[in-house]
Amino acid sequence: MDVQLLPSMLHAKTFVLDDALALGGSTNLDLRSLLVNHEASVVFYAPSDVAWMAAWIEALRGEARAFVPVAPTFAEDLAEGLLLTLAFQL
């Protein structure tokens, strides 16, 4: 898997599958977003729309840089674990 990061935040989530289907929207794939929040995505089937989405993604890739993961410190790991125990209540 190739993960790329843009220099600034982009909230849109997009996905193109085999130049046959594209999705775009704000839906996050986590329990809170799927069950509590009201977010939306659009499915594109028309070849011209799928090609437009693929071209937009490729244009953004020109601004992106490769993501290099760094293991969290013990304190960061502990803080994230504590936060996750409370996050479902937000």
N, C-alpha and C. Protein backbone atom coordinates (compact mmCIF):
# COMPACT_ATOMS: atom_id res chain seq x y z
N MET A 1 0.85 -1.18 0.00
CA MET A 1 0.00 0.00 0.00
C MET A 1 0.90 1.24 0.00
N ASP A 2 0.53 2.20 -0.80
CA ASP A 2 1.28 3.44 -0.93
C ASP A 2 0.47 4.57 -0.32
N VAL A 3 0.93 5.12 0.81
CA VAL A 3 0.22 6.20 1.49
C VAL A 3 0.96 7.50 1.23
N GLN A 4 0.21 8.51 0.77
CA GLN A 4 0.79 9.81 0.46
C GLN A 4 0.12 10.87 1.34
N LEU A 5 0.88 11.86 1.77
CA LEU A 5 0.35 12.96 2.58
C LEU A 5 0.45 14.27 1.82
N LEU A 6 -0.64 15.04 1.86
CA LEU A 6 -0.63 16.37 1.27
C LEU A 6 -0.04 17.36 2.27
N PRO A 7 0.46 18.50 1.80
CA PRO A 7 1.05 19.47 2.72
C PRO A 7 0.02 20.15 3.62
N SER A 8 -1.26 20.10 3.27
CA SER A 8 -2.30 20.68 4.11
C SER A 8 -3.47 19.69 4.19
N MET A 9 -4.38 19.97 5.12
CA MET A 9 -5.50 19.06 5.33
C MET A 9 -6.49 19.11 4.17
N LEU A 10 -6.97 17.94 3.78
CA LEU A 10 -8.04 17.80 2.79
C LEU A 10 -9.03 16.81 3.39
N HIS A 11 -10.23 17.27 3.72
CA HIS A 11 -11.18 16.43 4.44
C HIS A 11 -11.89 15.41 3.56
N ALA A 12 -11.84 15.58 2.25
CA ALA A 12 -12.53 14.67 1.34
C ALA A 12 -11.89 13.29 1.36
N LYS A 13 -12.74 12.29 1.26
CA LYS A 13 -12.26 10.92 1.10
C LYS A 13 -12.69 10.47 -0.28
N THR A 14 -11.77 9.95 -1.07
CA THR A 14 -12.09 9.51 -2.42
C THR A 14 -11.52 8.13 -2.65
N PHE A 15 -12.12 7.44 -3.61
CA PHE A 15 -11.73 6.07 -3.91
C PHE A 15 -12.11 5.78 -5.34
N VAL A 16 -11.18 5.23 -6.13
CA VAL A 16 -11.46 4.84 -7.50
C VAL A 16 -11.09 3.37 -7.62
N LEU A 17 -12.02 2.57 -8.15
CA LEU A 17 -11.81 1.13 -8.28
C LEU A 17 -11.84 0.73 -9.74
N ASP A 18 -10.69 0.31 -10.25
CA ASP A 18 -10.58 -0.24 -11.61
C ASP A 18 -11.20 0.64 -12.69
N ASP A 19 -11.15 1.93 -12.55
CA ASP A 19 -11.72 2.86 -13.53
C ASP A 19 -13.19 2.56 -13.84
N ALA A 20 -13.88 1.89 -12.90
CA ALA A 20 -15.28 1.53 -13.11
C ALA A 20 -16.21 2.15 -12.07
N LEU A 21 -15.65 2.54 -10.93
CA LEU A 21 -16.46 3.04 -9.82
C LEU A 21 -15.62 4.03 -9.03
N ALA A 22 -16.25 5.10 -8.58
CA ALA A 22 -15.56 6.08 -7.75
C ALA A 22 -16.48 6.50 -6.62
N LEU A 23 -15.90 6.76 -5.46
CA LEU A 23 -16.64 7.27 -4.32
C LEU A 23 -15.98 8.55 -3.86
N GLY A 24 -16.78 9.49 -3.40
CA GLY A 24 -16.25 10.73 -2.85
C GLY A 24 -17.18 11.26 -1.79
N GLY A 25 -16.61 11.76 -0.71
CA GLY A 25 -17.45 12.30 0.35
C GLY A 25 -16.66 12.58 1.61
N SER A 26 -17.39 12.62 2.72
CA SER A 26 -16.75 12.94 4.00
C SER A 26 -16.84 11.79 5.01
N THR A 27 -17.34 10.65 4.60
CA THR A 27 -17.55 9.54 5.53
C THR A 27 -16.24 8.93 5.99
N ASN A 28 -16.06 8.87 7.32
CA ASN A 28 -14.91 8.18 7.91
C ASN A 28 -15.31 6.74 8.19
N LEU A 29 -14.38 5.83 8.08
CA LEU A 29 -14.67 4.42 8.32
C LEU A 29 -14.30 4.04 9.75
N ASP A 30 -15.05 4.58 10.71
CA ASP A 30 -14.92 4.18 12.10
C ASP A 30 -16.32 4.12 12.70
N LEU A 31 -16.47 3.45 13.84
CA LEU A 31 -17.81 3.24 14.42
C LEU A 31 -18.52 4.54 14.73
N ARG A 32 -17.80 5.50 15.26
CA ARG A 32 -18.45 6.77 15.64
C ARG A 32 -19.02 7.47 14.41
N SER A 33 -18.25 7.51 13.34
CA SER A 33 -18.70 8.19 12.14
C SER A 33 -19.84 7.44 11.45
N LEU A 34 -19.77 6.12 11.45
CA LEU A 34 -20.79 5.35 10.77
C LEU A 34 -22.10 5.26 11.54
N LEU A 35 -22.04 5.28 12.88
CA LEU A 35 -23.24 5.08 13.68
C LEU A 35 -23.80 6.34 14.33
N VAL A 36 -22.96 7.34 14.59
CA VAL A 36 -23.41 8.53 15.30
C VAL A 36 -23.51 9.73 14.38
N ASN A 37 -22.46 10.02 13.65
CA ASN A 37 -22.44 11.20 12.79
C ASN A 37 -23.27 10.98 11.53
N HIS A 38 -23.72 12.05 10.95
CA HIS A 38 -24.45 11.99 9.69
C HIS A 38 -23.54 12.57 8.61
N GLU A 39 -22.86 11.69 7.93
CA GLU A 39 -21.96 12.10 6.87
C GLU A 39 -22.47 11.49 5.57
N ALA A 40 -21.92 11.92 4.46
CA ALA A 40 -22.43 11.46 3.17
C ALA A 40 -21.31 11.21 2.18
N SER A 41 -21.55 10.27 1.29
CA SER A 41 -20.66 10.00 0.17
C SER A 41 -21.49 9.82 -1.08
N VAL A 42 -20.86 10.04 -2.21
CA VAL A 42 -21.52 9.90 -3.51
C VAL A 42 -20.79 8.81 -4.28
N VAL A 43 -21.55 7.95 -4.95
CA VAL A 43 -20.98 6.90 -5.78
C VAL A 43 -21.11 7.33 -7.24
N PHE A 44 -20.00 7.27 -7.97
CA PHE A 44 -19.98 7.63 -9.39
C PHE A 44 -19.83 6.35 -10.22
N TYR A 45 -20.72 6.18 -11.20
CA TYR A 45 -20.66 5.03 -12.10
C TYR A 45 -20.32 5.42 -13.53
N ALA A 46 -20.67 6.62 -13.93
CA ALA A 46 -20.44 7.06 -15.31
C ALA A 46 -18.94 7.12 -15.59
N PRO A 47 -18.49 6.53 -16.69
CA PRO A 47 -17.06 6.53 -17.00
C PRO A 47 -16.43 7.92 -17.00
N SER A 48 -17.15 8.93 -17.46
CA SER A 48 -16.58 10.29 -17.48
C SER A 48 -16.39 10.82 -16.06
N ASP A 49 -17.32 10.51 -15.14
CA ASP A 49 -17.20 10.95 -13.76
C ASP A 49 -16.07 10.22 -13.04
N VAL A 50 -15.96 8.92 -13.30
CA VAL A 50 -14.88 8.13 -12.70
C VAL A 50 -13.53 8.63 -13.18
N ALA A 51 -13.43 8.93 -14.47
CA ALA A 51 -12.17 9.45 -15.03
C ALA A 51 -11.83 10.81 -14.43
N TRP A 52 -12.86 11.67 -14.24
CA TRP A 52 -12.62 12.98 -13.61
C TRP A 52 -12.08 12.81 -12.20
N MET A 53 -12.66 11.90 -11.42
CA MET A 53 -12.20 11.68 -10.05
C MET A 53 -10.77 11.14 -10.04
N ALA A 54 -10.46 10.20 -10.92
CA ALA A 54 -9.11 9.64 -11.00
C ALA A 54 -8.10 10.73 -11.38
N ALA A 55 -8.46 11.61 -12.31
CA ALA A 55 -7.56 12.69 -12.72
C ALA A 55 -7.34 13.67 -11.57
N TRP A 56 -8.39 13.96 -10.80
CA TRP A 56 -8.26 14.86 -9.64
C TRP A 56 -7.31 14.27 -8.61
N ILE A 57 -7.45 12.98 -8.34
CA ILE A 57 -6.56 12.32 -7.37
C ILE A 57 -5.12 12.36 -7.87
N GLU A 58 -4.90 12.08 -9.13
CA GLU A 58 -3.54 12.09 -9.68
C GLU A 58 -2.94 13.49 -9.62
N ALA A 59 -3.74 14.52 -9.85
CA ALA A 59 -3.23 15.90 -9.76
C ALA A 59 -2.80 16.21 -8.33
N LEU A 60 -3.55 15.74 -7.36
CA LEU A 60 -3.18 15.96 -5.96
C LEU A 60 -1.92 15.20 -5.57
N ARG A 61 -1.72 14.04 -6.17
CA ARG A 61 -0.53 13.24 -5.85
C ARG A 61 0.76 13.98 -6.18
N GLY A 62 0.68 14.91 -7.13
CA GLY A 62 1.86 15.70 -7.47
C GLY A 62 2.32 16.59 -6.32
N GLU A 63 1.40 16.95 -5.43
CA GLU A 63 1.72 17.78 -4.27
C GLU A 63 2.08 16.95 -3.03
N ALA A 64 1.85 15.66 -3.09
CA ALA A 64 1.98 14.80 -1.90
C ALA A 64 3.40 14.29 -1.72
N ARG A 65 3.66 13.84 -0.48
CA ARG A 65 4.95 13.19 -0.18
C ARG A 65 4.66 11.85 0.48
N ALA A 66 5.59 10.95 0.38
CA ALA A 66 5.41 9.61 0.94
C ALA A 66 5.33 9.67 2.47
N PHE A 67 4.44 8.88 3.03
CA PHE A 67 4.29 8.78 4.48
C PHE A 67 5.31 7.77 5.00
N VAL A 68 6.08 8.18 6.00
CA VAL A 68 7.04 7.29 6.65
C VAL A 68 6.59 7.12 8.10
N PRO A 69 6.06 5.95 8.47
CA PRO A 69 5.55 5.77 9.83
C PRO A 69 6.66 5.78 10.88
N VAL A 70 6.34 6.33 12.05
CA VAL A 70 7.26 6.36 13.18
C VAL A 70 6.53 5.74 14.36
N ALA A 71 7.15 4.79 15.02
CA ALA A 71 6.52 4.13 16.16
C ALA A 71 6.29 5.14 17.28
N PRO A 72 5.12 5.07 17.95
CA PRO A 72 4.86 6.01 19.04
C PRO A 72 5.71 5.69 20.27
N THR A 73 5.96 6.71 21.07
CA THR A 73 6.65 6.47 22.34
C THR A 73 5.65 5.81 23.30
N PHE A 74 6.15 5.29 24.42
CA PHE A 74 5.27 4.67 25.41
C PHE A 74 4.22 5.67 25.89
N ALA A 75 4.63 6.90 26.16
CA ALA A 75 3.71 7.93 26.65
C ALA A 75 2.64 8.23 25.61
N GLU A 76 3.00 8.34 24.34
CA GLU A 76 2.02 8.59 23.28
C GLU A 76 1.04 7.43 23.15
N ASP A 77 1.56 6.22 23.23
CA ASP A 77 0.72 5.03 23.13
C ASP A 77 -0.26 4.96 24.30
N LEU A 78 0.21 5.25 25.48
CA LEU A 78 -0.63 5.24 26.67
C LEU A 78 -1.71 6.33 26.58
N ALA A 79 -1.32 7.55 26.18
CA ALA A 79 -2.27 8.65 26.05
C ALA A 79 -3.35 8.33 25.02
N GLU A 80 -2.98 7.74 23.91
CA GLU A 80 -3.96 7.39 22.89
C GLU A 80 -4.91 6.31 23.41
N GLY A 81 -4.38 5.32 24.11
CA GLY A 81 -5.22 4.28 24.68
C GLY A 81 -6.23 4.84 25.68
N LEU A 82 -5.79 5.77 26.52
CA LEU A 82 -6.70 6.39 27.47
C LEU A 82 -7.78 7.22 26.76
N LEU A 83 -7.37 7.92 25.73
CA LEU A 83 -8.34 8.72 24.97
C LEU A 83 -9.38 7.83 24.29
N LEU A 84 -8.94 6.70 23.75
CA LEU A 84 -9.87 5.80 23.06
C LEU A 84 -10.90 5.20 24.01
N THR A 85 -10.57 5.08 25.30
CA THR A 85 -11.56 4.56 26.25
C THR A 85 -12.70 5.53 26.46
N LEU A 86 -12.48 6.82 26.17
CA LEU A 86 -13.51 7.85 26.37
C LEU A 86 -14.11 8.35 25.05
N ALA A 87 -13.46 8.09 23.94
CA ALA A 87 -13.85 8.69 22.66
C ALA A 87 -15.26 8.32 22.24
N PHE A 88 -15.72 7.12 22.55
CA PHE A 88 -17.05 6.70 22.12
C PHE A 88 -18.15 7.55 22.76
N GLN A 89 -17.84 8.24 23.84
CA GLN A 89 -18.84 9.06 24.52
C GLN A 89 -18.94 10.47 23.95
N LEU A 90 -18.00 10.85 23.11
CA LEU A 90 -18.01 12.21 22.56
C LEU A 90 -19.13 12.42 21.57
